[in-house]
């Protein structure tokens, strides 16, 4: 019986921890979304040339 209570309390504890984590994510969703948008802009800004990755190949050699 003692082991059963330990297992039940562990399950309840994990469930409460997960619920707390979900509440934190929901509470800070606007800040997380803004941070993700800034990160996306920073990553997209690294390639300013907007060129294809295949522009550096000599296509004439492929069609000979």
C-alpha atoms as a PDB file:
ATOM      1  CA  UNK A   1       0.000   0.000   0.000  1.00  0.00           C
ATOM      2  CA  UNK A   2       2.895   2.301   0.771  1.00  0.00           C
ATOM      3  CA  UNK A   3       4.364   1.885  -2.726  1.00  0.00           C
ATOM      4  CA  UNK A   4       0.994   2.692  -4.260  1.00  0.00           C
ATOM      5  CA  UNK A   5       0.853   6.034  -2.446  1.00  0.00           C
ATOM      6  CA  UNK A   6       4.385   6.878  -3.540  1.00  0.00           C
ATOM      7  CA  UNK A   7       3.518   6.178  -7.160  1.00  0.00           C
ATOM      8  CA  UNK A   8       0.297   8.211  -6.915  1.00  0.00           C
ATOM      9  CA  UNK A   9       2.153  11.139  -5.327  1.00  0.00           C
ATOM     10  CA  UNK A  10       4.849  11.014  -8.012  1.00  0.00           C
ATOM     11  CA  UNK A  11       2.214  11.073 -10.749  1.00  0.00           C
ATOM     12  CA  UNK A  12       0.430  14.001  -9.077  1.00  0.00           C
ATOM     13  CA  UNK A  13       3.738  15.851  -8.643  1.00  0.00           C
ATOM     14  CA  UNK A  14       4.718  15.374 -12.280  1.00  0.00           C
ATOM     15  CA  UNK A  15       1.247  16.459 -13.381  1.00  0.00           C
ATOM     16  CA  UNK A  16       1.440  19.647 -11.285  1.00  0.00           C
ATOM     17  CA  UNK A  17       4.922  20.429 -12.584  1.00  0.00           C
ATOM     18  CA  UNK A  18       3.733  19.983 -16.166  1.00  0.00           C
ATOM     19  CA  UNK A  19       0.693  22.182 -15.509  1.00  0.00           C
ATOM     20  CA  UNK A  20       2.983  24.870 -14.077  1.00  0.00           C
ATOM     21  CA  UNK A  21       5.220  24.712 -17.132  1.00  0.00           C
ATOM     22  CA  UNK A  22       2.214  25.033 -19.433  1.00  0.00           C
ATOM     23  CA  UNK A  23       0.983  28.035 -17.440  1.00  0.00           C
ATOM     24  CA  UNK A  24       4.391  29.698 -17.792  1.00  0.00           C
ATOM     25  CA  UNK A  25       4.418  29.156 -21.545  1.00  0.00           C
ATOM     26  CA  UNK A  26       0.890  30.532 -21.898  1.00  0.00           C
ATOM     27  CA  UNK A  27       1.680  33.494 -19.644  1.00  0.00           C
ATOM     28  CA  UNK A  28       4.793  34.524 -21.546  1.00  0.00           C
ATOM     29  CA  UNK A  29       3.568  33.577 -25.026  1.00  0.00           C
ATOM     30  CA  UNK A  30       3.681  37.157 -26.335  1.00  0.00           C
ATOM     31  CA  UNK A  31       7.301  37.584 -25.238  1.00  0.00           C
ATOM     32  CA  UNK A  32       8.247  34.179 -26.655  1.00  0.00           C
ATOM     33  CA  UNK A  33       6.595  34.994 -29.982  1.00  0.00           C
ATOM     34  CA  UNK A  34       8.354  38.371 -30.164  1.00  0.00           C
ATOM     35  CA  UNK A  35      11.697  36.719 -29.424  1.00  0.00           C
ATOM     36  CA  UNK A  36      11.109  34.092 -32.081  1.00  0.00           C
ATOM     37  CA  UNK A  37      10.252  36.802 -34.633  1.00  0.00           C
ATOM     38  CA  UNK A  38      13.455  38.689 -33.813  1.00  0.00           C
ATOM     39  CA  UNK A  39      15.465  35.487 -34.117  1.00  0.00           C
ATOM     40  CA  UNK A  40      13.885  34.772 -37.497  1.00  0.00           C
ATOM     41  CA  UNK A  41      14.780  38.281 -38.695  1.00  0.00           C
ATOM     42  CA  UNK A  42      18.353  37.878 -37.456  1.00  0.00           C
ATOM     43  CA  UNK A  43      18.807  34.547 -39.204  1.00  0.00           C
ATOM     44  CA  UNK A  44      17.212  35.804 -42.423  1.00  0.00           C
ATOM     45  CA  UNK A  45      19.372  38.941 -42.326  1.00  0.00           C
ATOM     46  CA  UNK A  46      22.601  36.959 -42.553  1.00  0.00           C
ATOM     47  CA  UNK A  47      22.062  36.197 -46.251  1.00  0.00           C
ATOM     48  CA  UNK A  48      21.585  39.659 -47.712  1.00  0.00           C
ATOM     49  CA  UNK A  49      22.434  38.669 -51.288  1.00  0.00           C
ATOM     50  CA  UNK A  50      19.294  36.537 -51.740  1.00  0.00           C
ATOM     51  CA  UNK A  51      21.242  34.465 -54.238  1.00  0.00           C
ATOM     52  CA  UNK A  52      20.812  30.830 -54.997  1.00  0.00           C
ATOM     53  CA  UNK A  53      23.240  28.369 -53.520  1.00  0.00           C
ATOM     54  CA  UNK A  54      23.869  26.997 -57.008  1.00  0.00           C
ATOM     55  CA  UNK A  55      25.016  30.282 -58.561  1.00  0.00           C
ATOM     56  CA  UNK A  56      28.654  29.426 -57.984  1.00  0.00           C
ATOM     57  CA  UNK A  57      28.560  26.349 -60.250  1.00  0.00           C
ATOM     58  CA  UNK A  58      29.556  26.498 -63.900  1.00  0.00           C
ATOM     59  CA  UNK A  59      26.492  25.160 -65.683  1.00  0.00           C
ATOM     60  CA  UNK A  60      28.225  25.036 -69.057  1.00  0.00           C
ATOM     61  CA  UNK A  61      30.312  22.110 -67.863  1.00  0.00           C
ATOM     62  CA  UNK A  62      27.183  20.169 -66.988  1.00  0.00           C
ATOM     63  CA  UNK A  63      25.689  20.373 -70.471  1.00  0.00           C
ATOM     64  CA  UNK A  64      28.748  19.420 -72.567  1.00  0.00           C
END
